[in-house]
Each structure stands twice: as structure tokens, then as C-alpha cells.
Amino acid sequence: MNTKGREMNFEKALSELEQIVNRLEKGGLALNESLALFEKGIKLARFLRSELDKAEKKIEILIKDETGELKAREFEPEELEADLSQEEPEEESGEENQK
């Protein structure tokens, strides 16, 4: 998304959307100004959704299946926590088997 000749990134777009929401919630704006802000907010929200979709696809690509193969699947944060907690006991049990 290009705004006034400068490249938009996720953080800038989110900050700008928050400012628009705050201005609209305060009220006291002319109808035309409110509509213009609403339109800009919709464009920012679409840009943000697009960026989130891209990030989600990148995460899906990097998820590995049980055999270590890269496999696309939905990302569940709980799975990551479970995987991380399982790695520690496996390392310890591997050491015990060697003794």
C-alpha cells in the first residue's frame, strides 16, 4: 500500500488505523470527513489482512511433519509450546539410554 508516495508497512498501517478509529470514536467530525476516514480505515484494514495472510502462509510452509519433511498445515500456537516442552524430556531420556 502506498500512502502519499511512501511505502506502507504493517506497523505503520496498524498505527494509522488505530488513530483513525480513535478519531471516529471521539465524534464531532463532519460527515464528509468521517466518510473519508472510514474509507481510509477500510483500505488499511484490507492491507493489514493481506499482510497477515502472507505471514500465515510463510509459517505454514515452514511447519514440519512427523518425519521432518516440510508440510503445509495450519499453525496452532499451542502445538509449538507442546513441541518445545517435549524436546527437553526427549534429550534427557536420550542421555539416560546411553548410560
C-alpha atoms as a PDB file:
ATOM      1  CA  MET A   1       0.000   0.000   0.000  1.00  0.00           C
ATOM      2  CA  ASN A   2       1.384   3.342  -0.981  1.00  0.00           C
ATOM      3  CA  THR A   3       0.341   6.395   1.026  1.00  0.00           C
ATOM      4  CA  LYS A   4       1.481   9.813  -0.215  1.00  0.00           C
ATOM      5  CA  GLY A   5       4.479   8.336  -2.043  1.00  0.00           C
ATOM      6  CA  ARG A   6       5.857   6.341   0.889  1.00  0.00           C
ATOM      7  CA  GLU A   7       5.815   2.598   1.276  1.00  0.00           C
ATOM      8  CA  MET A   8       3.473   1.342   3.996  1.00  0.00           C
ATOM      9  CA  ASN A   9       4.496  -1.416   6.383  1.00  0.00           C
ATOM     10  CA  PHE A  10       2.398  -3.401   8.832  1.00  0.00           C
ATOM     11  CA  GLU A  11       3.318  -1.397  11.938  1.00  0.00           C
ATOM     12  CA  LYS A  12       2.706   1.987  10.290  1.00  0.00           C
ATOM     13  CA  ALA A  13      -0.612   0.816   8.853  1.00  0.00           C
ATOM     14  CA  LEU A  14      -1.758  -0.548  12.210  1.00  0.00           C
ATOM     15  CA  SER A  15      -0.805   2.661  13.995  1.00  0.00           C
ATOM     16  CA  GLU A  16      -2.594   4.763  11.412  1.00  0.00           C
ATOM     17  CA  LEU A  17      -5.705   2.579  11.626  1.00  0.00           C
ATOM     18  CA  GLU A  18      -5.733   2.945  15.424  1.00  0.00           C
ATOM     19  CA  GLN A  19      -5.534   6.744  15.056  1.00  0.00           C
ATOM     20  CA  ILE A  20      -8.438   6.713  12.608  1.00  0.00           C
ATOM     21  CA  VAL A  21     -10.540   4.570  14.945  1.00  0.00           C
ATOM     22  CA  ASN A  22      -9.804   6.924  17.859  1.00  0.00           C
ATOM     23  CA  ARG A  23     -10.800   9.976  15.804  1.00  0.00           C
ATOM     24  CA  LEU A  24     -14.021   8.344  14.643  1.00  0.00           C
ATOM     25  CA  GLU A  25     -14.887   7.208  18.181  1.00  0.00           C
ATOM     26  CA  LYS A  26     -14.414  10.738  19.545  1.00  0.00           C
ATOM     27  CA  GLY A  27     -17.002  12.024  17.095  1.00  0.00           C
ATOM     28  CA  GLY A  28     -17.593  15.657  16.299  1.00  0.00           C
ATOM     29  CA  LEU A  29     -16.383  15.241  12.704  1.00  0.00           C
ATOM     30  CA  ALA A  30     -18.199  16.424   9.619  1.00  0.00           C
ATOM     31  CA  LEU A  31     -19.932  13.683   7.655  1.00  0.00           C
ATOM     32  CA  ASN A  32     -17.545  14.005   4.689  1.00  0.00           C
ATOM     33  CA  GLU A  33     -14.513  13.829   6.981  1.00  0.00           C
ATOM     34  CA  SER A  34     -15.937  10.790   8.780  1.00  0.00           C
ATOM     35  CA  LEU A  35     -16.593   9.029   5.472  1.00  0.00           C
ATOM     36  CA  ALA A  36     -13.091   9.826   4.197  1.00  0.00           C
ATOM     37  CA  LEU A  37     -11.539   8.459   7.391  1.00  0.00           C
ATOM     38  CA  PHE A  38     -13.757   5.384   7.259  1.00  0.00           C
ATOM     39  CA  GLU A  39     -12.724   4.724   3.640  1.00  0.00           C
ATOM     40  CA  LYS A  40      -9.049   5.095   4.530  1.00  0.00           C
ATOM     41  CA  GLY A  41      -9.561   2.787   7.516  1.00  0.00           C
ATOM     42  CA  ILE A  42     -11.112   0.118   5.289  1.00  0.00           C
ATOM     43  CA  LYS A  43      -8.131   0.296   2.908  1.00  0.00           C
ATOM     44  CA  LEU A  44      -5.717  -0.018   5.827  1.00  0.00           C
ATOM     45  CA  ALA A  45      -7.659  -2.948   7.283  1.00  0.00           C
ATOM     46  CA  ARG A  46      -7.530  -4.746   3.924  1.00  0.00           C
ATOM     47  CA  PHE A  47      -3.789  -4.124   3.664  1.00  0.00           C
ATOM     48  CA  LEU A  48      -3.271  -5.457   7.198  1.00  0.00           C
ATOM     49  CA  ARG A  49      -5.368  -8.561   6.469  1.00  0.00           C
ATOM     50  CA  SER A  50      -3.319  -9.183   3.337  1.00  0.00           C
ATOM     51  CA  GLU A  51      -0.053  -8.880   5.263  1.00  0.00           C
ATOM     52  CA  LEU A  52      -1.320 -11.259   7.955  1.00  0.00           C
ATOM     53  CA  ASP A  53      -2.367 -13.767   5.286  1.00  0.00           C
ATOM     54  CA  LYS A  54       1.127 -13.609   3.742  1.00  0.00           C
ATOM     55  CA  ALA A  55       2.757 -14.181   7.133  1.00  0.00           C
ATOM     56  CA  GLU A  56       0.428 -17.095   7.857  1.00  0.00           C
ATOM     57  CA  LYS A  57       1.340 -18.741   4.539  1.00  0.00           C
ATOM     58  CA  LYS A  58       5.046 -18.385   5.319  1.00  0.00           C
ATOM     59  CA  ILE A  59       4.507 -20.075   8.675  1.00  0.00           C
ATOM     60  CA  GLU A  60       2.534 -22.895   7.065  1.00  0.00           C
ATOM     61  CA  ILE A  61       5.357 -23.523   4.606  1.00  0.00           C
ATOM     62  CA  LEU A  62       7.894 -23.864   7.398  1.00  0.00           C
ATOM     63  CA  ILE A  63       5.953 -26.302   9.574  1.00  0.00           C
ATOM     64  CA  LYS A  64       7.494 -29.774   9.550  1.00  0.00           C
ATOM     65  CA  ASP A  65       5.583 -33.047   9.760  1.00  0.00           C
ATOM     66  CA  GLU A  66       6.474 -36.054  11.953  1.00  0.00           C
ATOM     67  CA  THR A  67       9.167 -37.296   9.550  1.00  0.00           C
ATOM     68  CA  GLY A  68      10.926 -33.935   9.383  1.00  0.00           C
ATOM     69  CA  GLU A  69       9.504 -33.149   5.961  1.00  0.00           C
ATOM     70  CA  LEU A  70       8.213 -29.641   5.402  1.00  0.00           C
ATOM     71  CA  LYS A  71       4.448 -29.787   5.260  1.00  0.00           C
ATOM     72  CA  ALA A  72       1.856 -27.028   4.950  1.00  0.00           C
ATOM     73  CA  ARG A  73      -0.702 -27.055   7.756  1.00  0.00           C
ATOM     74  CA  GLU A  74      -2.456 -24.569   9.972  1.00  0.00           C
ATOM     75  CA  PHE A  75      -0.320 -23.010  12.682  1.00  0.00           C
ATOM     76  CA  GLU A  76      -1.530 -23.566  16.223  1.00  0.00           C
ATOM     77  CA  PRO A  77       0.482 -21.724  18.921  1.00  0.00           C
ATOM     78  CA  GLU A  78      -0.399 -24.455  21.430  1.00  0.00           C
ATOM     79  CA  GLU A  79       1.355 -27.029  19.219  1.00  0.00           C
ATOM     80  CA  LEU A  80       4.564 -25.004  19.268  1.00  0.00           C
ATOM     81  CA  GLU A  81       4.505 -24.831  23.056  1.00  0.00           C
ATOM     82  CA  ALA A  82       3.861 -28.586  23.256  1.00  0.00           C
ATOM     83  CA  ASP A  83       6.693 -29.314  20.804  1.00  0.00           C
ATOM     84  CA  LEU A  84       9.112 -27.157  22.764  1.00  0.00           C
ATOM     85  CA  SER A  85       8.192 -28.775  26.076  1.00  0.00           C
ATOM     86  CA  GLN A  86       8.588 -32.263  24.553  1.00  0.00           C
ATOM     87  CA  GLU A  87      12.083 -31.523  23.228  1.00  0.00           C
ATOM     88  CA  GLU A  88      13.575 -31.133  26.702  1.00  0.00           C
ATOM     89  CA  PRO A  89      12.437 -34.512  28.130  1.00  0.00           C
ATOM     90  CA  GLU A  90      13.495 -36.328  24.944  1.00  0.00           C
ATOM     91  CA  GLU A  91      17.041 -35.033  25.293  1.00  0.00           C
ATOM     92  CA  GLU A  92      17.160 -36.161  28.913  1.00  0.00           C
ATOM     93  CA  SER A  93      15.750 -39.615  28.125  1.00  0.00           C
ATOM     94  CA  GLY A  94      18.308 -39.979  25.338  1.00  0.00           C
ATOM     95  CA  GLU A  95      21.108 -39.379  27.820  1.00  0.00           C
ATOM     96  CA  GLU A  96      19.674 -41.976  30.205  1.00  0.00           C
ATOM     97  CA  ASN A  97      19.583 -44.592  27.435  1.00  0.00           C
ATOM     98  CA  GLN A  98      23.265 -44.032  26.747  1.00  0.00           C
ATOM     99  CA  LYS A  99      24.262 -44.702  30.402  1.00  0.00           C
END
